[in-house]
């Protein structure tokens, strides 16, 4: 019988409690009608364009985090909202050079939320706390930076904001995968913590779920997310990099039968929430096994899978690249 790994289910309830705080003092998200105070919209657009999802370019552009509005400024008009860690964890990456990324100055914090490895990302920072470095533990509510408008997109000072993500690392070996794909003269200054290798989920939904149903169990939250499509991966290298990082979503395998493939369930964002080993199929490469059109429509602009002229489900170019990264 196939079953999820269950040894952690017997921990006391306190061990599962996930206590989150917002990353700045802006708490408009939790106030009735407070969205306009919380989200910073793009130029000429209202607060909705600062939300997560396909909220820009008439739904064609996917925004992988939320933009949180600045609340306070100094006498020169510079933003000075403190940015804090939303939960305890460990600093994974610090980028202090504003011109090295669209994120500008940014910080990644690695967390273990109910056996799920997850990262929180804080970007467009004005400055970063002195001495903050990779490997350093941080506590919930600890100041780590100041909100700003750094980055390569020339964000105007009046639109200063914190771009915040709750995200997953796609592949620990990303730097090796990416190196031969870079244009001549390009550099990867962030290794496997490059933004291309991070896949976000909706931070707003996470914060609201944690507030409505404390204490929150993040593993159960992820397991409850709608399945948008399923993929068969050949079992050439078992397990894949992301499976080693996210053992919570893998069911126990057939014993003693050899594994020939993995069936993986994905959210519309491209985040896997379930994987089970198979021994009765042997795909030559990753293929779409099925799709849920209703779930896909929630993030239509993400467009990782589509129907071909024969009516069969297949990967878009973006989806194929994601599978290639996962399978590297």
Protein backbone atom coordinates (compact mmCIF):
# COMPACT_ATOMS: atom_id res chain seq x y z
CA UNK A 1 0.00 0.00 0.00
CA UNK A 2 1.23 3.48 -0.86
CA UNK A 3 1.11 5.95 1.98
CA UNK A 4 2.57 9.33 2.92
CA UNK A 5 5.42 9.42 5.41
CA UNK A 6 3.58 9.73 8.71
CA UNK A 7 6.20 9.56 11.45
CA UNK A 8 5.92 13.30 12.15
CA UNK A 9 2.15 13.17 12.55
CA UNK A 10 2.55 11.88 16.10
CA UNK A 11 4.36 14.98 17.41
CA UNK A 12 2.45 17.03 20.00
CA UNK A 13 0.32 19.86 18.61
CA UNK A 14 2.73 22.51 19.93
CA UNK A 15 5.46 21.12 17.68
CA UNK A 16 3.30 21.86 14.67
CA UNK A 17 2.37 25.43 15.60
CA UNK A 18 3.52 27.95 12.99
CA UNK A 19 3.59 31.47 14.35
CA UNK A 20 3.87 34.12 11.62
CA UNK A 21 4.13 37.89 11.68
CA UNK A 22 3.88 40.33 8.79
CA UNK A 23 7.27 41.51 7.44
CA UNK A 24 6.64 45.21 8.19
CA UNK A 25 4.43 47.23 10.51
CA UNK A 26 1.90 47.60 7.67
CA UNK A 27 -1.02 45.45 8.86
CA UNK A 28 -3.61 46.69 6.35
CA UNK A 29 -3.99 43.11 5.12
CA UNK A 30 -5.84 42.28 8.33
CA UNK A 31 -8.11 45.33 8.33
CA UNK A 32 -11.50 45.36 6.57
CA UNK A 33 -10.99 47.33 3.37
CA UNK A 34 -7.32 47.80 4.19
CA UNK A 35 -5.94 46.36 0.96
CA UNK A 36 -5.25 49.77 -0.57
CA UNK A 37 -3.10 50.62 2.45
CA UNK A 38 -1.26 47.30 2.35
CA UNK A 39 -0.50 46.68 -1.34
CA UNK A 40 1.63 49.01 -3.48
CA UNK A 41 0.37 49.05 -7.05
CA UNK A 42 2.48 49.51 -10.15
CA UNK A 43 2.76 52.88 -11.93
CA UNK A 44 -0.69 54.09 -12.97
CA UNK A 45 -2.46 51.02 -11.51
CA UNK A 46 -4.33 50.51 -8.27
CA UNK A 47 -3.43 48.28 -5.31
CA UNK A 48 -4.58 45.11 -7.08
CA UNK A 49 -1.44 45.14 -9.26
CA UNK A 50 0.62 44.73 -6.07
CA UNK A 51 -1.02 41.42 -5.20
CA UNK A 52 0.27 37.93 -5.93
CA UNK A 53 -0.68 36.18 -9.16
CA UNK A 54 -1.60 37.18 -12.71
CA UNK A 55 -2.42 40.75 -11.77
CA UNK A 56 -0.50 42.73 -14.40
CA UNK A 57 -0.67 43.31 -18.16
CA UNK A 58 -4.37 42.33 -18.27
CA UNK A 59 -3.59 39.04 -16.55
CA UNK A 60 -0.70 37.99 -18.79
CA UNK A 61 2.08 38.90 -16.36
CA UNK A 62 2.67 36.72 -13.31
CA UNK A 63 3.72 38.45 -10.08
CA UNK A 64 5.38 35.92 -7.79
CA UNK A 65 5.05 37.81 -4.51
CA UNK A 66 3.33 40.81 -2.96
CA UNK A 67 4.42 44.45 -2.89
CA UNK A 68 3.89 45.95 0.58
CA UNK A 69 3.41 49.71 0.75
CA UNK A 70 5.78 52.00 2.62
CA UNK A 71 4.30 53.56 5.77
CA UNK A 72 6.99 55.90 7.03
CA UNK A 73 9.72 58.14 5.64
CA UNK A 74 12.52 60.30 6.99
CA UNK A 75 12.84 64.07 6.49
CA UNK A 76 14.33 63.58 3.04
CA UNK A 77 11.42 61.44 1.95
CA UNK A 78 13.41 58.22 2.05
CA UNK A 79 11.51 55.11 3.23
CA UNK A 80 12.57 53.83 6.64
CA UNK A 81 10.08 51.08 7.55
CA UNK A 82 11.90 48.29 9.43
CA UNK A 83 11.70 44.88 7.74
CA UNK A 84 11.52 41.88 10.07
CA UNK A 85 11.72 38.11 9.73
CA UNK A 86 8.20 36.67 9.55
CA UNK A 87 9.26 33.51 11.40
CA UNK A 88 12.33 31.92 12.92
CA UNK A 89 14.85 30.42 10.54
CA UNK A 90 18.32 30.75 9.11
CA UNK A 91 19.72 33.30 6.69
CA UNK A 92 20.23 31.48 3.39
CA UNK A 93 21.48 34.32 1.18
CA UNK A 94 22.25 38.03 1.45
CA UNK A 95 22.67 40.23 -1.63
CA UNK A 96 23.93 43.70 -0.69
CA UNK A 97 24.66 44.94 -4.23
CA UNK A 98 21.55 46.66 -5.60
CA UNK A 99 22.51 46.33 -9.27
CA UNK A 100 22.99 42.55 -9.32
CA UNK A 101 19.32 41.65 -9.59
CA UNK A 102 15.78 42.88 -10.29
CA UNK A 103 15.30 42.21 -6.59
CA UNK A 104 17.88 44.87 -5.75
CA UNK A 105 19.24 44.28 -2.26
CA UNK A 106 17.56 41.16 -0.95
CA UNK A 107 17.57 38.54 1.76
CA UNK A 108 16.45 34.92 1.73
CA UNK A 109 15.57 33.19 4.99
CA UNK A 110 15.30 29.39 5.10
CA UNK A 111 12.61 27.91 7.35
CA UNK A 112 11.44 24.46 8.41
CA UNK A 113 7.68 24.82 8.63
CA UNK A 114 6.22 21.51 9.81
CA UNK A 115 8.86 19.50 7.92
CA UNK A 116 8.51 21.65 4.78
CA UNK A 117 11.61 23.51 3.61
CA UNK A 118 10.40 26.98 2.61
CA UNK A 119 12.08 30.33 2.04
CA UNK A 120 10.90 33.87 2.64
CA UNK A 121 12.32 36.59 0.40
CA UNK A 122 12.62 40.28 1.25
CA UNK A 123 13.67 42.53 -1.65
CA UNK A 124 14.10 46.09 -2.99
CA UNK A 125 15.71 46.85 0.38
CA UNK A 126 17.19 50.25 1.23
CA UNK A 127 19.77 48.62 3.47
CA UNK A 128 20.47 45.34 5.24
CA UNK A 129 21.26 44.90 8.93
CA UNK A 130 24.99 45.12 9.62
CA UNK A 131 26.65 41.75 10.09
CA UNK A 132 23.76 39.75 8.64
CA UNK A 133 25.24 36.75 6.83
CA UNK A 134 24.35 33.34 5.42
CA UNK A 135 24.07 30.64 8.07
CA UNK A 136 23.06 33.05 10.82
CA UNK A 137 19.91 32.10 12.80
CA UNK A 138 17.12 34.68 13.01
CA UNK A 139 14.09 34.89 15.27
CA UNK A 140 10.51 35.78 14.43
CA UNK A 141 10.18 39.57 14.48
CA UNK A 142 13.93 40.21 14.32
CA UNK A 143 14.81 43.37 12.31
CA UNK A 144 16.85 42.37 9.27
CA UNK A 145 16.62 45.34 6.87
CA UNK A 146 14.92 48.59 5.87
CA UNK A 147 12.26 48.87 3.15
CA UNK A 148 13.41 50.62 -0.02
CA UNK A 149 13.29 50.79 -3.81
CA UNK A 150 16.56 49.19 -4.95
CA UNK A 151 16.77 47.07 -8.09
CA UNK A 152 17.41 47.23 -11.80
CA UNK A 153 13.89 48.40 -12.75
CA UNK A 154 14.41 52.04 -11.63
CA UNK A 155 11.62 52.00 -9.06
CA UNK A 156 10.79 55.63 -8.16
CA UNK A 157 11.16 56.67 -4.53
CA UNK A 158 7.46 57.45 -4.21
CA UNK A 159 6.70 53.79 -5.00
CA UNK A 160 9.11 52.40 -2.40
CA UNK A 161 7.87 49.02 -1.18
CA UNK A 162 8.87 45.61 0.11
CA UNK A 163 8.56 42.84 -2.45
CA UNK A 164 7.92 39.76 -0.30
CA UNK A 165 7.69 36.10 -1.30
CA UNK A 166 6.99 32.74 0.30
CA UNK A 167 8.86 30.43 -2.03
CA UNK A 168 10.54 27.10 -2.72
CA UNK A 169 13.93 26.34 -4.20
CA UNK A 170 13.43 24.40 -7.43
CA UNK A 171 16.80 22.63 -7.63
CA UNK A 172 19.80 22.69 -5.32
CA UNK A 173 21.98 22.11 -8.40
CA UNK A 174 20.58 25.13 -10.25
CA UNK A 175 23.92 26.92 -10.64
CA UNK A 176 25.33 24.00 -12.66
CA UNK A 177 22.17 23.77 -14.79
CA UNK A 178 22.14 27.51 -15.47
CA UNK A 179 25.83 28.05 -16.25
CA UNK A 180 25.79 26.80 -19.88
CA UNK A 181 22.54 28.69 -20.56
CA UNK A 182 23.84 32.14 -19.71
CA UNK A 183 24.65 34.56 -22.51
CA UNK A 184 28.30 35.39 -23.03
CA UNK A 185 29.44 37.89 -20.44
CA UNK A 186 26.51 37.26 -18.08
CA UNK A 187 27.08 36.30 -14.45
CA UNK A 188 25.13 34.43 -11.83
CA UNK A 189 25.95 36.33 -8.65
CA UNK A 190 23.51 34.38 -6.50
CA UNK A 191 24.29 30.72 -7.18
CA UNK A 192 21.34 28.46 -6.44
CA UNK A 193 19.55 31.37 -4.72
CA UNK A 194 19.01 33.12 -8.04
CA UNK A 195 15.41 34.28 -8.43
CA UNK A 196 14.95 31.99 -11.45
CA UNK A 197 15.37 29.06 -9.06
CA UNK A 198 12.69 30.23 -6.64
CA UNK A 199 9.00 29.45 -7.09
CA UNK A 200 6.56 31.44 -4.99
CA UNK A 201 3.11 30.70 -3.63
CA UNK A 202 0.56 33.30 -2.49
CA UNK A 203 1.87 34.97 0.71
CA UNK A 204 -1.49 36.64 1.34
CA UNK A 205 -3.27 33.29 1.49
CA UNK A 206 -0.62 31.95 3.87
CA UNK A 207 -0.90 34.91 6.24
CA UNK A 208 -4.70 34.85 6.22
CA UNK A 209 -4.82 31.08 6.80
CA UNK A 210 -2.41 31.40 9.73
CA UNK A 211 -4.58 34.16 11.22
CA UNK A 212 -7.91 32.37 10.73
CA UNK A 213 -6.89 28.94 12.01
CA UNK A 214 -4.12 29.18 14.59
CA UNK A 215 -2.03 27.21 15.20
CA UNK A 216 -1.29 26.68 11.52
CA UNK A 217 0.15 23.44 10.17
CA UNK A 218 1.95 24.42 6.98
CA UNK A 219 2.38 20.86 5.77
CA UNK A 220 -1.36 20.28 5.94
CA UNK A 221 -1.89 23.63 4.23
CA UNK A 222 0.30 22.56 1.29
CA UNK A 223 -1.29 19.12 1.07
CA UNK A 224 -4.72 20.76 0.81
CA UNK A 225 -3.83 22.91 -2.23
CA UNK A 226 -5.69 22.13 -5.48
CA UNK A 227 -3.87 19.90 -7.96
CA UNK A 228 -3.60 21.68 -11.32
CA UNK A 229 -1.67 19.06 -13.28
CA UNK A 230 0.23 15.81 -12.82
CA UNK A 231 3.52 14.77 -14.43
CA UNK A 232 5.32 11.48 -14.91
CA UNK A 233 9.09 11.67 -14.42
CA UNK A 234 11.42 8.84 -15.46
CA UNK A 235 13.29 7.48 -12.44
CA UNK A 236 16.77 7.94 -13.88
CA UNK A 237 18.05 9.54 -10.68
CA UNK A 238 16.05 8.88 -7.59
CA UNK A 239 15.17 11.01 -5.87
CA UNK A 240 15.28 14.31 -7.73
CA UNK A 241 16.97 17.27 -6.03
CA UNK A 242 13.68 18.87 -4.91
CA UNK A 243 12.48 15.50 -3.58
CA UNK A 244 15.52 15.30 -1.31
CA UNK A 245 14.61 18.75 0.04
CA UNK A 246 10.86 18.08 0.31
CA UNK A 247 10.55 14.54 1.66
CA UNK A 248 7.19 15.44 3.24
CA UNK A 249 5.38 15.13 -0.10
CA UNK A 250 6.69 11.69 -1.05
CA UNK A 251 4.69 8.55 -0.32
CA UNK A 252 6.57 5.39 0.59
CA UNK A 253 7.66 3.40 -2.42
CA UNK A 254 6.89 -0.11 -3.59
CA UNK A 255 9.04 -2.73 -1.92
CA UNK A 256 10.93 -4.59 -3.22
CA UNK A 257 9.87 -3.64 -6.77
CA UNK A 258 12.31 -1.27 -8.56
CA UNK A 259 11.01 2.27 -9.14
CA UNK A 260 10.68 3.16 -12.83
CA UNK A 261 8.93 6.52 -12.60
CA UNK A 262 7.49 9.17 -10.28
CA UNK A 263 4.00 10.61 -10.50
CA UNK A 264 4.10 14.20 -9.24
CA UNK A 265 1.17 16.50 -8.49
CA UNK A 266 1.63 20.23 -9.06
CA UNK A 267 -0.14 23.41 -8.03
CA UNK A 268 -0.84 25.88 -10.86
CA UNK A 269 2.23 27.83 -9.69
CA UNK A 270 4.48 24.86 -10.47
CA UNK A 271 5.08 23.76 -6.86
CA UNK A 272 4.89 20.02 -6.23
CA UNK A 273 2.74 18.84 -3.32
CA UNK A 274 2.72 15.06 -3.77
CA UNK A 275 4.96 12.45 -5.38
CA UNK A 276 4.65 8.71 -5.53
CA UNK A 277 7.03 6.15 -7.02
CA UNK A 278 5.70 3.84 -9.74
CA UNK A 279 6.91 0.52 -11.04
CA UNK A 280 4.43 -0.21 -13.85
CA UNK A 281 5.31 2.62 -16.30
CA UNK A 282 8.63 3.72 -17.83
CA UNK A 283 8.32 7.14 -19.54
CA UNK A 284 11.26 8.20 -21.72
CA UNK A 285 11.01 11.77 -20.41
CA UNK A 286 8.69 13.86 -18.31
CA UNK A 287 5.14 13.97 -19.66
CA UNK A 288 1.82 15.53 -18.61
CA UNK A 289 -0.35 12.78 -17.15
CA UNK A 290 -3.43 14.94 -16.57
CA UNK A 291 -4.68 18.45 -15.82
CA UNK A 292 -7.44 20.22 -13.91
CA UNK A 293 -8.69 23.12 -16.02
CA UNK A 294 -10.51 24.77 -13.12
CA UNK A 295 -7.35 24.89 -11.00
CA UNK A 296 -5.27 26.06 -13.96
CA UNK A 297 -7.61 29.01 -14.57
CA UNK A 298 -6.78 30.44 -11.13
CA UNK A 299 -3.33 31.34 -12.56
CA UNK A 300 -4.00 31.38 -16.29
CA UNK A 301 -1.08 33.72 -16.94
CA UNK A 302 1.36 31.22 -15.43
CA UNK A 303 0.57 28.79 -18.29
CA UNK A 304 2.84 25.80 -17.60
CA UNK A 305 0.68 23.30 -19.51
CA UNK A 306 -1.69 23.65 -22.45
CA UNK A 307 -3.68 21.57 -24.91
CA UNK A 308 -2.09 20.86 -28.29
CA UNK A 309 -3.94 20.69 -31.60
CA UNK A 310 -4.88 17.07 -30.88
CA UNK A 311 -6.46 18.04 -27.59
CA UNK A 312 -3.77 16.40 -25.48
CA UNK A 313 -2.11 18.16 -22.57
CA UNK A 314 1.49 19.18 -23.09
CA UNK A 315 4.01 21.61 -21.65
CA UNK A 316 4.39 25.20 -22.72
CA UNK A 317 7.94 26.46 -23.22
CA UNK A 318 7.87 27.82 -19.66
CA UNK A 319 6.56 24.53 -18.31
CA UNK A 320 9.16 22.50 -20.18
CA UNK A 321 11.93 24.67 -18.74
CA UNK A 322 10.59 24.12 -15.22
CA UNK A 323 10.52 20.35 -15.75
CA UNK A 324 14.06 20.45 -17.13
CA UNK A 325 15.23 22.31 -14.04
CA UNK A 326 13.48 19.85 -11.73
CA UNK A 327 14.90 16.86 -13.59
CA UNK A 328 18.50 18.12 -13.73
